[in-house]
Amino acid sequence: MRRLSLVIAAALTFSGATASAQARPAAHSLPVTTPADLPVAAGQASYVNLGGAVRDIVVGDPSIADVSLVNDRTLVVLGKRPGVTTLLAFGSGGRALADRQIVVSENGGGAVTVYRGASASNYACAVQCTRLAAPTAGAPATP
């Protein structure tokens, strides 16, 4: 039950920060991945080194990416299908070790957000871009 409460609290905190950050369009028209983003191609893997021993791992949408533990400080992220999800890792006492956005594309690459006025459309991009079905939090989908 404690872990569930921790996961819910982390998800609510993260979604509020994401919504307020994404409600303000960036100065440039096509932002690509930020340093907190982890681009992974579908069917490929990447690793994340943590600053401490991990106790709990949360993946927002396990149908997009899967995470495995190599040792207490290293995670391997496997891209399953194009999309964007969140990776949260917590150490002892609930200390946050990682808060990363995983961007899975068909052939590697990153994410692109296209802003039209107040609305935003997200794409997972590599050689070709794939529009993500879910709209950005706090922004309506565009046709």
Protein backbone atom coordinates (compact mmCIF):
# COMPACT_ATOMS: atom_id res chain seq x y z
CA MET A 1 0.00 0.00 0.00
CA ARG A 2 2.89 2.37 0.79
CA ARG A 3 4.38 1.82 -2.67
CA LEU A 4 1.03 2.53 -4.32
CA SER A 5 0.73 5.80 -2.38
CA LEU A 6 4.27 6.72 -3.41
CA VAL A 7 3.56 5.96 -7.07
CA ILE A 8 0.33 7.99 -7.05
CA ALA A 9 2.02 10.95 -5.34
CA ALA A 10 4.92 10.86 -7.82
CA ALA A 11 2.55 10.64 -10.80
CA LEU A 12 0.46 13.58 -9.60
CA THR A 13 3.53 15.68 -8.89
CA PHE A 14 5.07 14.86 -12.28
CA SER A 15 1.86 15.44 -14.25
CA GLY A 16 1.35 18.87 -12.66
CA ALA A 17 4.92 19.94 -13.47
CA THR A 18 4.63 18.62 -17.02
CA ALA A 19 1.30 20.34 -17.67
CA SER A 20 2.55 23.73 -16.50
CA ALA A 21 5.84 23.39 -18.40
CA GLN A 22 4.15 22.30 -21.63
CA ALA A 23 1.41 24.93 -21.46
CA ARG A 24 4.06 27.54 -22.36
CA PRO A 25 5.30 27.04 -25.94
CA ALA A 26 9.08 27.18 -26.36
CA ALA A 27 10.71 30.10 -28.16
CA HIS A 28 11.75 27.85 -31.05
CA SER A 29 9.14 26.10 -33.14
CA LEU A 30 10.36 22.49 -33.04
CA PRO A 31 11.94 21.45 -29.73
CA VAL A 32 13.55 18.04 -29.91
CA THR A 33 14.56 15.91 -26.94
CA THR A 34 15.72 17.61 -23.76
CA PRO A 35 18.56 16.28 -21.59
CA ALA A 36 15.93 14.57 -19.40
CA ASP A 37 14.55 12.68 -22.43
CA LEU A 38 15.76 9.18 -23.23
CA PRO A 39 15.36 8.38 -26.96
CA VAL A 40 15.08 4.65 -27.72
CA ALA A 41 14.13 2.88 -30.93
CA ALA A 42 11.41 0.22 -30.83
CA GLY A 43 13.12 -3.13 -30.37
CA GLN A 44 16.31 -1.47 -29.10
CA ALA A 45 17.67 -0.88 -25.59
CA SER A 46 19.45 1.90 -23.73
CA TYR A 47 20.73 2.17 -20.19
CA VAL A 48 20.36 4.65 -17.35
CA ASN A 49 22.93 4.99 -14.55
CA LEU A 50 21.48 6.09 -11.22
CA GLY A 51 23.06 8.10 -8.42
CA GLY A 52 22.13 5.55 -5.77
CA ALA A 53 20.70 2.11 -5.12
CA VAL A 54 17.22 1.74 -6.60
CA ARG A 55 14.31 0.40 -4.56
CA ASP A 56 11.27 1.07 -6.78
CA ILE A 57 10.84 1.60 -10.53
CA VAL A 58 7.72 2.98 -12.21
CA VAL A 59 7.04 3.03 -15.97
CA GLY A 60 4.05 5.16 -16.96
CA ASP A 61 2.96 2.99 -19.92
CA PRO A 62 4.57 -0.47 -19.97
CA SER A 63 3.21 -1.11 -23.48
CA ILE A 64 5.63 1.58 -24.79
CA ALA A 65 8.78 0.67 -22.85
CA ASP A 66 10.00 -1.93 -20.38
CA VAL A 67 12.70 -1.48 -17.73
CA SER A 68 14.99 -4.15 -16.29
CA LEU A 69 17.46 -3.92 -13.44
CA VAL A 70 21.08 -4.82 -14.29
CA ASN A 71 22.35 -4.04 -10.79
CA ASP A 72 21.25 -1.72 -7.98
CA ARG A 73 22.40 1.39 -9.91
CA THR A 74 21.85 0.53 -13.60
CA LEU A 75 18.57 0.18 -15.51
CA VAL A 76 18.08 -1.07 -19.08
CA VAL A 77 15.18 0.48 -21.01
CA LEU A 78 13.70 -1.53 -23.91
CA GLY A 79 11.58 0.32 -26.48
CA LYS A 80 8.47 -1.68 -27.36
CA ARG A 81 6.37 0.58 -29.62
CA PRO A 82 6.43 4.25 -30.69
CA GLY A 83 5.24 6.62 -28.01
CA VAL A 84 6.24 8.64 -24.98
CA THR A 85 6.13 7.44 -21.38
CA THR A 86 7.74 8.22 -18.06
CA LEU A 87 10.42 6.42 -16.04
CA LEU A 88 10.59 7.11 -12.31
CA ALA A 89 13.15 5.44 -10.00
CA PHE A 90 13.23 5.78 -6.23
CA GLY A 91 15.88 4.86 -3.69
CA SER A 92 15.64 4.15 0.01
CA GLY A 93 13.29 6.43 1.88
CA GLY A 94 11.50 7.34 -1.36
CA ARG A 95 14.33 9.58 -2.62
CA ALA A 96 13.93 10.28 -6.36
CA LEU A 97 16.85 8.89 -8.40
CA ALA A 98 15.42 9.34 -11.91
CA ASP A 99 12.56 11.22 -13.54
CA ARG A 100 12.99 10.71 -17.28
CA GLN A 101 10.72 10.87 -20.28
CA ILE A 102 11.24 7.85 -22.55
CA VAL A 103 10.67 8.64 -26.24
CA VAL A 104 10.30 5.48 -28.33
CA SER A 105 10.39 5.87 -32.10
CA GLU A 106 10.19 3.35 -34.91
CA ASN A 107 13.85 3.59 -35.94
CA GLY A 108 15.58 5.61 -33.23
CA GLY A 109 15.66 9.38 -32.86
CA GLY A 110 13.67 11.60 -30.59
CA ALA A 111 10.51 13.54 -30.01
CA VAL A 112 9.16 16.62 -31.71
CA THR A 113 6.34 18.83 -30.46
CA VAL A 114 4.58 21.01 -33.04
CA TYR A 115 2.81 24.05 -31.58
CA ARG A 116 -0.13 25.72 -33.34
CA GLY A 117 -1.35 28.56 -31.17
CA ALA A 118 -2.21 27.07 -27.78
CA SER A 119 -2.42 23.48 -29.05
CA ALA A 120 0.45 21.03 -29.35
CA SER A 121 0.95 17.77 -31.26
CA ASN A 122 3.64 15.28 -30.22
CA TYR A 123 5.56 13.04 -32.60
CA ALA A 124 8.10 10.26 -32.06
CA CYS A 125 10.65 10.84 -34.84
CA ALA A 126 13.51 9.14 -36.57
CA VAL A 127 13.64 8.76 -40.36
CA GLN A 128 9.88 9.31 -40.31
CA CYS A 129 7.71 10.87 -37.60
CA THR A 130 4.82 9.00 -35.99
CA ARG A 131 2.11 11.14 -34.40
CA LEU A 132 1.35 10.05 -30.87
CA ALA A 133 -2.32 9.38 -30.20
CA ALA A 134 -2.49 10.99 -26.75
CA PRO A 135 -2.40 14.80 -26.70
CA THR A 136 0.10 16.70 -24.56
CA ALA A 137 -1.13 17.18 -20.99
CA GLY A 138 -2.83 20.56 -20.77
CA ALA A 139 -3.00 21.07 -24.54
CA PRO A 140 -5.81 19.95 -26.88
CA ALA A 141 -5.04 17.66 -29.82
CA THR A 142 -4.88 19.17 -33.28
CA PRO A 143 -6.18 17.53 -36.46
